[in-house]
PDB file of N, CA and C in Angstrom:
ATOM      1  N   MET A   1      21.307  -5.715 -20.289  1.00  0.00           N
ATOM      2  CA  MET A   1      21.072  -5.177 -18.586  1.00  0.00           C
ATOM      3  C   MET A   1      20.244  -6.258 -18.228  1.00  0.00           C
ATOM      4  N   ALA A   2      20.440  -7.240 -17.175  1.00  0.00           N
ATOM      5  CA  ALA A   2      19.516  -8.437 -16.506  1.00  0.00           C
ATOM      6  C   ALA A   2      18.134  -8.031 -16.383  1.00  0.00           C
ATOM      7  N   GLN A   3      17.582  -8.814 -16.410  1.00  0.00           N
ATOM      8  CA  GLN A   3      16.239  -8.323 -15.742  1.00  0.00           C
ATOM      9  C   GLN A   3      15.942  -8.195 -14.262  1.00  0.00           C
ATOM     10  N   GLN A   4      14.760  -7.907 -14.032  1.00  0.00           N
ATOM     11  CA  GLN A   4      14.728  -7.009 -12.774  1.00  0.00           C
ATOM     12  C   GLN A   4      13.988  -7.512 -12.178  1.00  0.00           C
ATOM     13  N   LEU A   5      13.569  -7.836 -11.055  1.00  0.00           N
ATOM     14  CA  LEU A   5      12.085  -7.874 -10.302  1.00  0.00           C
ATOM     15  C   LEU A   5      11.463  -6.825  -9.374  1.00  0.00           C
ATOM     16  N   HIS A   6      10.498  -6.363  -9.455  1.00  0.00           N
ATOM     17  CA  HIS A   6      10.154  -5.379  -8.287  1.00  0.00           C
ATOM     18  C   HIS A   6       9.582  -5.465  -6.855  1.00  0.00           C
ATOM     19  N   VAL A   7      10.272  -5.090  -5.886  1.00  0.00           N
ATOM     20  CA  VAL A   7      10.383  -5.645  -4.710  1.00  0.00           C
ATOM     21  C   VAL A   7       9.713  -4.418  -3.753  1.00  0.00           C
ATOM     22  N   GLU A   8       8.905  -4.790  -3.059  1.00  0.00           N
ATOM     23  CA  GLU A   8       8.289  -4.298  -1.999  1.00  0.00           C
ATOM     24  C   GLU A   8       7.942  -4.659  -0.947  1.00  0.00           C
ATOM     25  N   LEU A   9       8.781  -4.457   0.031  1.00  0.00           N
ATOM     26  CA  LEU A   9       8.514  -4.627   1.666  1.00  0.00           C
ATOM     27  C   LEU A   9       7.878  -3.718   2.587  1.00  0.00           C
ATOM     28  N   VAL A  10       6.367  -3.909   2.643  1.00  0.00           N
ATOM     29  CA  VAL A  10       5.461  -3.536   3.500  1.00  0.00           C
ATOM     30  C   VAL A  10       5.846  -4.019   5.374  1.00  0.00           C
ATOM     31  N   ALA A  11       5.442  -3.131   6.234  1.00  0.00           N
ATOM     32  CA  ALA A  11       5.431  -3.562   7.488  1.00  0.00           C
ATOM     33  C   ALA A  11       3.737  -3.111   7.849  1.00  0.00           C
ATOM     34  N   VAL A  12       3.326  -3.503   8.561  1.00  0.00           N
ATOM     35  CA  VAL A  12       2.023  -2.939   9.102  1.00  0.00           C
ATOM     36  C   VAL A  12       1.730  -1.665   8.721  1.00  0.00           C
ATOM     37  N   GLU A  13       2.688  -0.643   9.617  1.00  0.00           N
ATOM     38  CA  GLU A  13       2.514   0.694   8.970  1.00  0.00           C
ATOM     39  C   GLU A  13       3.111   1.617   8.290  1.00  0.00           C
ATOM     40  N   GLU A  14       3.763   0.493   7.432  1.00  0.00           N
ATOM     41  CA  GLU A  14       4.744   1.616   6.453  1.00  0.00           C
ATOM     42  C   GLU A  14       4.927   0.866   5.581  1.00  0.00           C
ATOM     43  N   LYS A  15       5.608   1.820   4.424  1.00  0.00           N
ATOM     44  CA  LYS A  15       6.321   0.844   3.413  1.00  0.00           C
ATOM     45  C   LYS A  15       7.844   0.262   3.916  1.00  0.00           C
ATOM     46  N   VAL A  16       8.553  -0.449   4.333  1.00  0.00           N
ATOM     47  CA  VAL A  16       9.681  -0.275   4.478  1.00  0.00           C
ATOM     48  C   VAL A  16      10.938  -0.177   3.359  1.00  0.00           C
ATOM     49  N   TRP A  17      10.981  -0.838   2.287  1.00  0.00           N
ATOM     50  CA  TRP A  17      11.765  -0.749   1.500  1.00  0.00           C
ATOM     51  C   TRP A  17      11.299  -0.686  -0.045  1.00  0.00           C
ATOM     52  N   SER A  18      11.542  -0.474  -0.914  1.00  0.00           N
ATOM     53  CA  SER A  18      10.167  -0.430  -2.662  1.00  0.00           C
ATOM     54  C   SER A  18      11.964  -0.212  -3.316  1.00  0.00           C
ATOM     55  N   GLY A  19      11.672  -0.592  -4.611  1.00  0.00           N
ATOM     56  CA  GLY A  19      13.080  -1.163  -5.266  1.00  0.00           C
ATOM     57  C   GLY A  19      12.950  -1.968  -6.473  1.00  0.00           C
ATOM     58  N   GLU A  20      13.999  -2.090  -7.202  1.00  0.00           N
ATOM     59  CA  GLU A  20      13.817  -3.276  -8.340  1.00  0.00           C
ATOM     60  C   GLU A  20      15.377  -3.862  -7.779  1.00  0.00           C
ATOM     61  N   ALA A  21      15.262  -5.215  -7.796  1.00  0.00           N
ATOM     62  CA  ALA A  21      16.248  -6.169  -7.282  1.00  0.00           C
ATOM     63  C   ALA A  21      16.784  -6.958  -8.378  1.00  0.00           C
ATOM     64  N   GLU A  22      17.123  -8.155  -8.353  1.00  0.00           N
ATOM     65  CA  GLU A  22      18.007  -9.092  -9.004  1.00  0.00           C
ATOM     66  C   GLU A  22      17.202 -10.924  -8.576  1.00  0.00           C
ATOM     67  N   MET A  23      17.207 -10.356  -7.049  1.00  0.00           N
ATOM     68  CA  MET A  23      16.634 -11.468  -6.474  1.00  0.00           C
ATOM     69  C   MET A  23      16.167 -10.853  -5.418  1.00  0.00           C
ATOM     70  N   VAL A  24      15.171 -12.293  -4.781  1.00  0.00           N
ATOM     71  CA  VAL A  24      14.820 -11.679  -3.408  1.00  0.00           C
ATOM     72  C   VAL A  24      14.638 -13.621  -2.429  1.00  0.00           C
ATOM     73  N   VAL A  25      15.427 -13.714  -1.547  1.00  0.00           N
ATOM     74  CA  VAL A  25      15.327 -14.523  -0.579  1.00  0.00           C
ATOM     75  C   VAL A  25      14.312 -14.783   0.338  1.00  0.00           C
ATOM     76  N   ALA A  26      13.551 -15.404   0.909  1.00  0.00           N
ATOM     77  CA  ALA A  26      13.091 -15.372   2.488  1.00  0.00           C
ATOM     78  C   ALA A  26      12.753 -16.683   2.902  1.00  0.00           C
ATOM     79  N   ARG A  27      12.606 -17.213   3.839  1.00  0.00           N
ATOM     80  CA  ARG A  27      12.104 -18.237   4.776  1.00  0.00           C
ATOM     81  C   ARG A  27      10.932 -18.251   4.602  1.00  0.00           C
ATOM     82  N   THR A  28      10.153 -19.180   4.261  1.00  0.00           N
ATOM     83  CA  THR A  28       8.819 -19.272   4.476  1.00  0.00           C
ATOM     84  C   THR A  28       8.562 -20.807   5.251  1.00  0.00           C
ATOM     85  N   THR A  29       7.241 -20.704   5.819  1.00  0.00           N
ATOM     86  CA  THR A  29       7.101 -22.488   6.436  1.00  0.00           C
ATOM     87  C   THR A  29       7.351 -23.607   5.625  1.00  0.00           C
ATOM     88  N   GLU A  30       7.610 -23.306   4.495  1.00  0.00           N
ATOM     89  CA  GLU A  30       7.729 -24.219   3.024  1.00  0.00           C
ATOM     90  C   GLU A  30       9.023 -24.369   3.038  1.00  0.00           C
ATOM     91  N   GLY A  31      10.110 -24.193   3.691  1.00  0.00           N
ATOM     92  CA  GLY A  31      11.232 -23.639   3.908  1.00  0.00           C
ATOM     93  C   GLY A  31      12.459 -22.316   2.511  1.00  0.00           C
ATOM     94  N   GLU A  32      13.140 -22.225   2.513  1.00  0.00           N
ATOM     95  CA  GLU A  32      13.843 -21.431   2.200  1.00  0.00           C
ATOM     96  C   GLU A  32      13.600 -21.311   0.328  1.00  0.00           C
ATOM     97  N   LEU A  33      13.474 -19.871   0.298  1.00  0.00           N
ATOM     98  CA  LEU A  33      12.692 -19.519  -1.268  1.00  0.00           C
ATOM     99  C   LEU A  33      13.176 -18.166  -2.021  1.00  0.00           C
ATOM    100  N   GLY A  34      14.264 -18.843  -3.349  1.00  0.00           N
ATOM    101  CA  GLY A  34      14.238 -17.626  -3.776  1.00  0.00           C
ATOM    102  C   GLY A  34      13.625 -17.467  -5.150  1.00  0.00           C
ATOM    103  N   VAL A  35      13.460 -16.441  -5.373  1.00  0.00           N
ATOM    104  CA  VAL A  35      12.816 -15.838  -6.609  1.00  0.00           C
ATOM    105  C   VAL A  35      13.610 -14.827  -7.040  1.00  0.00           C
ATOM    106  N   LEU A  36      13.632 -15.559  -8.505  1.00  0.00           N
ATOM    107  CA  LEU A  36      14.023 -14.701  -9.908  1.00  0.00           C
ATOM    108  C   LEU A  36      13.235 -13.763 -11.055  1.00  0.00           C
ATOM    109  N   PRO A  37      13.829 -12.807 -11.770  1.00  0.00           N
ATOM    110  CA  PRO A  37      12.294 -12.783 -12.438  1.00  0.00           C
ATOM    111  C   PRO A  37      11.880 -13.953 -13.094  1.00  0.00           C
ATOM    112  N   GLY A  38      10.647 -13.946 -14.254  1.00  0.00           N
ATOM    113  CA  GLY A  38      10.343 -14.230 -14.071  1.00  0.00           C
ATOM    114  C   GLY A  38       9.455 -16.219 -13.409  1.00  0.00           C
ATOM    115  N   HIS A  39       9.511 -15.909 -12.235  1.00  0.00           N
ATOM    116  CA  HIS A  39       9.450 -16.738 -11.229  1.00  0.00           C
ATOM    117  C   HIS A  39       7.610 -16.627 -11.396  1.00  0.00           C
ATOM    118  N   ALA A  40       7.346 -17.993 -11.376  1.00  0.00           N
ATOM    119  CA  ALA A  40       5.558 -18.864 -11.348  1.00  0.00           C
ATOM    120  C   ALA A  40       5.011 -17.853  -9.956  1.00  0.00           C
ATOM    121  N   PRO A  41       4.066 -17.598 -10.079  1.00  0.00           N
ATOM    122  CA  PRO A  41       3.228 -16.673  -9.211  1.00  0.00           C
ATOM    123  C   PRO A  41       2.992 -17.973  -7.793  1.00  0.00           C
ATOM    124  N   LEU A  42       3.109 -16.964  -6.989  1.00  0.00           N
ATOM    125  CA  LEU A  42       2.819 -17.592  -5.809  1.00  0.00           C
ATOM    126  C   LEU A  42       2.758 -16.831  -4.382  1.00  0.00           C
ATOM    127  N   LEU A  43       1.702 -17.999  -3.668  1.00  0.00           N
ATOM    128  CA  LEU A  43       2.000 -17.229  -2.249  1.00  0.00           C
ATOM    129  C   LEU A  43       2.342 -17.316  -0.675  1.00  0.00           C
ATOM    130  N   GLY A  44       3.270 -17.387   0.185  1.00  0.00           N
ATOM    131  CA  GLY A  44       3.730 -18.185   0.862  1.00  0.00           C
ATOM    132  C   GLY A  44       4.183 -17.706   2.120  1.00  0.00           C
ATOM    133  N   GLN A  45       3.533 -18.373   3.881  1.00  0.00           N
ATOM    134  CA  GLN A  45       3.528 -18.151   4.753  1.00  0.00           C
ATOM    135  C   GLN A  45       4.908 -17.706   5.646  1.00  0.00           C
ATOM    136  N   LEU A  46       5.525 -16.423   5.817  1.00  0.00           N
ATOM    137  CA  LEU A  46       6.896 -16.005   6.189  1.00  0.00           C
ATOM    138  C   LEU A  46       7.254 -17.342   6.926  1.00  0.00           C
ATOM    139  N   ALA A  47       8.305 -17.732   7.434  1.00  0.00           N
ATOM    140  CA  ALA A  47       8.401 -18.436   8.956  1.00  0.00           C
ATOM    141  C   ALA A  47       8.735 -17.219   9.623  1.00  0.00           C
ATOM    142  N   GLU A  48       8.442 -17.494  11.009  1.00  0.00           N
ATOM    143  CA  GLU A  48       8.808 -17.178  12.608  1.00  0.00           C
ATOM    144  C   GLU A  48      10.050 -17.580  13.142  1.00  0.00           C
ATOM    145  N   PRO A  49      10.823 -16.683  14.021  1.00  0.00           N
ATOM    146  CA  PRO A  49      11.571 -15.763  13.454  1.00  0.00           C
ATOM    147  C   PRO A  49      12.112 -15.813  11.798  1.00  0.00           C
ATOM    148  N   GLY A  50      11.950 -14.561  10.998  1.00  0.00           N
ATOM    149  CA  GLY A  50      12.218 -14.745   9.354  1.00  0.00           C
ATOM    150  C   GLY A  50      13.516 -13.560   9.308  1.00  0.00           C
ATOM    151  N   GLN A  51      13.655 -13.866   8.028  1.00  0.00           N
ATOM    152  CA  GLN A  51      14.837 -12.954   7.535  1.00  0.00           C
ATOM    153  C   GLN A  51      13.923 -12.744   5.777  1.00  0.00           C
ATOM    154  N   VAL A  52      14.496 -11.745   5.189  1.00  0.00           N
ATOM    155  CA  VAL A  52      14.029 -10.897   4.280  1.00  0.00           C
ATOM    156  C   VAL A  52      15.955 -10.582   3.442  1.00  0.00           C
ATOM    157  N   ARG A  53      15.966 -11.370   2.236  1.00  0.00           N
ATOM    158  CA  ARG A  53      17.178 -10.754   1.932  1.00  0.00           C
ATOM    159  C   ARG A  53      16.687 -10.279   0.292  1.00  0.00           C
ATOM    160  N   ILE A  54      16.948  -9.171  -0.398  1.00  0.00           N
ATOM    161  CA  ILE A  54      17.361  -8.221  -1.741  1.00  0.00           C
ATOM    162  C   ILE A  54      18.397  -8.194  -1.710  1.00  0.00           C
ATOM    163  N   LYS A  55      18.520  -8.857  -2.884  1.00  0.00           N
ATOM    164  CA  LYS A  55      19.718  -9.175  -3.946  1.00  0.00           C
ATOM    165  C   LYS A  55      19.480  -7.445  -4.543  1.00  0.00           C
ATOM    166  N   LEU A  56      21.004  -6.638  -4.617  1.00  0.00           N
ATOM    167  CA  LEU A  56      20.248  -5.517  -5.797  1.00  0.00           C
ATOM    168  C   LEU A  56      21.571  -5.813  -7.212  1.00  0.00           C
ATOM    169  N   ALA A  57      20.959  -5.519  -8.160  1.00  0.00           N
ATOM    170  CA  ALA A  57      22.143  -5.352  -9.438  1.00  0.00           C
ATOM    171  C   ALA A  57      23.905  -4.798  -8.813  1.00  0.00           C
ATOM    172  N   GLY A  58      24.589  -5.091  -9.000  1.00  0.00           N
ATOM    173  CA  GLY A  58      26.045  -4.758  -8.644  1.00  0.00           C
ATOM    174  C   GLY A  58      26.444  -5.588  -7.286  1.00  0.00           C
ATOM    175  N   GLY A  59      25.699  -6.374  -6.661  1.00  0.00           N
ATOM    176  CA  GLY A  59      25.963  -7.281  -5.780  1.00  0.00           C
ATOM    177  C   GLY A  59      25.725  -7.101  -4.489  1.00  0.00           C
ATOM    178  N   GLU A  60      25.195  -5.391  -4.332  1.00  0.00           N
ATOM    179  CA  GLU A  60      24.999  -4.965  -2.777  1.00  0.00           C
ATOM    180  C   GLU A  60      23.349  -5.918  -2.498  1.00  0.00           C
ATOM    181  N   GLN A  61      23.505  -6.448  -1.077  1.00  0.00           N
ATOM    182  CA  GLN A  61      22.291  -6.627  -0.729  1.00  0.00           C
ATOM    183  C   GLN A  61      21.543  -6.080   0.759  1.00  0.00           C
ATOM    184  N   VAL A  62      20.130  -5.964   1.007  1.00  0.00           N
ATOM    185  CA  VAL A  62      19.967  -5.301   1.712  1.00  0.00           C
ATOM    186  C   VAL A  62      18.656  -6.654   2.267  1.00  0.00           C
ATOM    187  N   SER A  63      19.323  -6.702   4.240  1.00  0.00           N
ATOM    188  CA  SER A  63      18.549  -7.619   4.932  1.00  0.00           C
ATOM    189  C   SER A  63      17.549  -6.649   6.016  1.00  0.00           C
ATOM    190  N   TYR A  64      16.227  -7.630   6.161  1.00  0.00           N
ATOM    191  CA  TYR A  64      15.480  -7.469   7.565  1.00  0.00           C
ATOM    192  C   TYR A  64      15.011  -8.660   7.544  1.00  0.00           C
ATOM    193  N   ASP A  65      15.108  -8.535   9.681  1.00  0.00           N
ATOM    194  CA  ASP A  65      14.338  -9.429  10.124  1.00  0.00           C
ATOM    195  C   ASP A  65      13.231  -8.864  10.532  1.00  0.00           C
ATOM    196  N   VAL A  66      12.197 -10.435   9.727  1.00  0.00           N
ATOM    197  CA  VAL A  66      10.687 -10.019   9.430  1.00  0.00           C
ATOM    198  C   VAL A  66      10.144 -10.774  10.499  1.00  0.00           C
ATOM    199  N   ALA A  67       9.131 -10.650  10.956  1.00  0.00           N
ATOM    200  CA  ALA A  67       7.823 -11.279  12.040  1.00  0.00           C
ATOM    201  C   ALA A  67       6.412 -11.441  11.506  1.00  0.00           C
ATOM    202  N   GLY A  68       6.439 -12.911  10.784  1.00  0.00           N
ATOM    203  CA  GLY A  68       5.102 -12.970  10.340  1.00  0.00           C
ATOM    204  C   GLY A  68       4.635 -11.935   9.404  1.00  0.00           C
ATOM    205  N   GLY A  69       3.250 -12.910   8.424  1.00  0.00           N
ATOM    206  CA  GLY A  69       3.337 -12.050   7.148  1.00  0.00           C
ATOM    207  C   GLY A  69       3.323 -13.330   5.903  1.00  0.00           C
ATOM    208  N   PHE A  70       3.424 -12.676   4.872  1.00  0.00           N
ATOM    209  CA  PHE A  70       3.336 -13.403   3.364  1.00  0.00           C
ATOM    210  C   PHE A  70       4.161 -12.706   2.666  1.00  0.00           C
ATOM    211  N   LEU A  71       4.711 -13.613   1.763  1.00  0.00           N
ATOM    212  CA  LEU A  71       5.562 -13.441   0.433  1.00  0.00           C
ATOM    213  C   LEU A  71       4.372 -13.648  -0.928  1.00  0.00           C
ATOM    214  N   SER A  72       4.499 -12.448  -1.394  1.00  0.00           N
ATOM    215  CA  SER A  72       3.593 -12.752  -2.864  1.00  0.00           C
ATOM    216  C   SER A  72       4.368 -12.859  -3.934  1.00  0.00           C
ATOM    217  N   VAL A  73       4.325 -13.435  -4.917  1.00  0.00           N
ATOM    218  CA  VAL A  73       5.037 -13.509  -6.032  1.00  0.00           C
ATOM    219  C   VAL A  73       3.999 -13.157  -7.272  1.00  0.00           C
ATOM    220  N   SER A  74       4.272 -12.099  -8.208  1.00  0.00           N
ATOM    221  CA  SER A  74       2.936 -12.103  -9.467  1.00  0.00           C
ATOM    222  C   SER A  74       3.276 -11.575 -10.410  1.00  0.00           C
ATOM    223  N   ALA A  75       2.927 -11.538 -11.211  1.00  0.00           N
ATOM    224  CA  ALA A  75       4.114 -11.057 -13.052  1.00  0.00           C
ATOM    225  C   ALA A  75       4.294  -9.566 -12.562  1.00  0.00           C
ATOM    226  N   GLU A  76       3.848  -8.803 -11.562  1.00  0.00           N
ATOM    227  CA  GLU A  76       4.323  -7.346 -11.239  1.00  0.00           C
ATOM    228  C   GLU A  76       5.706  -7.268 -10.538  1.00  0.00           C
ATOM    229  N   GLY A  77       5.477  -8.450 -10.080  1.00  0.00           N
ATOM    230  CA  GLY A  77       6.988  -8.654  -8.730  1.00  0.00           C
ATOM    231  C   GLY A  77       6.656  -9.425  -7.241  1.00  0.00           C
ATOM    232  N   VAL A  78       7.399  -8.668  -6.287  1.00  0.00           N
ATOM    233  CA  VAL A  78       7.549  -9.708  -5.085  1.00  0.00           C
ATOM    234  C   VAL A  78       7.116  -8.853  -4.360  1.00  0.00           C
ATOM    235  N   THR A  79       5.804  -8.473  -3.786  1.00  0.00           N
ATOM    236  CA  THR A  79       5.676  -7.668  -2.521  1.00  0.00           C
ATOM    237  C   THR A  79       5.734  -9.056  -0.858  1.00  0.00           C
ATOM    238  N   VAL A  80       6.532  -8.509   0.147  1.00  0.00           N
ATOM    239  CA  VAL A  80       6.545  -8.961   0.991  1.00  0.00           C
ATOM    240  C   VAL A  80       5.865  -8.392   2.303  1.00  0.00           C
ATOM    241  N   LEU A  81       4.832  -9.018   2.810  1.00  0.00           N
ATOM    242  CA  LEU A  81       3.718  -8.177   3.811  1.00  0.00           C
ATOM    243  C   LEU A  81       4.014  -8.758   4.924  1.00  0.00           C
ATOM    244  N   ALA A  82       4.418  -7.772   5.719  1.00  0.00           N
ATOM    245  CA  ALA A  82       5.022  -8.465   7.473  1.00  0.00           C
ATOM    246  C   ALA A  82       4.348  -8.096   8.392  1.00  0.00           C
ATOM    247  N   GLU A  83       4.378  -8.587   9.811  1.00  0.00           N
ATOM    248  CA  GLU A  83       4.019  -7.860  10.973  1.00  0.00           C
ATOM    249  C   GLU A  83       5.110  -6.651  10.747  1.00  0.00           C
ATOM    250  N   SER A  84       6.124  -6.745  11.328  1.00  0.00           N
ATOM    251  CA  SER A  84       7.315  -6.058  11.653  1.00  0.00           C
ATOM    252  C   SER A  84       8.809  -6.187  10.627  1.00  0.00           C
ATOM    253  N   ALA A  85       9.174  -5.223  10.170  1.00  0.00           N
ATOM    254  CA  ALA A  85      10.428  -5.505   9.538  1.00  0.00           C
ATOM    255  C   ALA A  85      11.618  -4.531  10.168  1.00  0.00           C
ATOM    256  N   THR A  86      13.034  -5.200  10.587  1.00  0.00           N
ATOM    257  CA  THR A  86      13.914  -4.459  11.137  1.00  0.00           C
ATOM    258  C   THR A  86      15.175  -4.593  10.173  1.00  0.00           C
ATOM    259  N   PRO A  87      15.589  -3.721   9.748  1.00  0.00           N
ATOM    260  CA  PRO A  87      17.002  -3.488   9.134  1.00  0.00           C
ATOM    261  C   PRO A  87      18.116  -4.548  10.021  1.00  0.00           C
ATOM    262  N   VAL A  88      18.597  -5.385   8.962  1.00  0.00           N
ATOM    263  CA  VAL A  88      20.053  -6.116   9.900  1.00  0.00           C
ATOM    264  C   VAL A  88      20.923  -5.391   9.344  1.00  0.00           C
ATOM    265  N   SER A  89      22.040  -4.703  10.654  1.00  0.00           N
ATOM    266  CA  SER A  89      22.918  -4.192  10.674  1.00  0.00           C
ATOM    267  C   SER A  89      23.751  -4.821   9.850  1.00  0.00           C
ATOM    268  N   ALA A  90      24.285  -4.124   8.439  1.00  0.00           N
ATOM    269  CA  ALA A  90      25.577  -4.726   7.810  1.00  0.00           C
ATOM    270  C   ALA A  90      26.651  -5.199   8.361  1.00  0.00           C
ATOM    271  N   GLN A  91      26.811  -6.396   8.334  1.00  0.00           N
ATOM    272  CA  GLN A  91      28.281  -6.400   8.742  1.00  0.00           C
ATOM    273  C   GLN A  91      29.566  -6.441   7.767  1.00  0.00           C
ATOM    274  N   SER A  92      30.598  -6.515   8.263  1.00  0.00           N
ATOM    275  CA  SER A  92      31.480  -6.141   7.318  1.00  0.00           C
ATOM    276  C   SER A  92      32.919  -7.096   7.738  1.00  0.00           C
ATOM    277  N   ARG A  93      33.136  -8.037   7.214  1.00  0.00           N
ATOM    278  CA  ARG A  93      33.853  -9.141   7.521  1.00  0.00           C
ATOM    279  C   ARG A  93      34.885  -9.566   6.696  1.00  0.00           C
TER     280      ARG A  93
END
């Protein structure tokens, strides 16, 4: 089984999404960033407007439009602390 990342997406008032994922992609002020299991520790400021995409095992993906905040990568996983996070409606094309 592929190694997984533990991901927490937290907005100011609530935990928005939490679970295991294969990859997290977010846009920071330094550019687009992809985080895989084993990534070096990192703290990045989210770009505004930004989007966080969480790729799950099996190919499913959840996406959120985020405003403000930070992305933190540690040995425990990935934490996204956003001022607001809104689910992106699934588009089937």
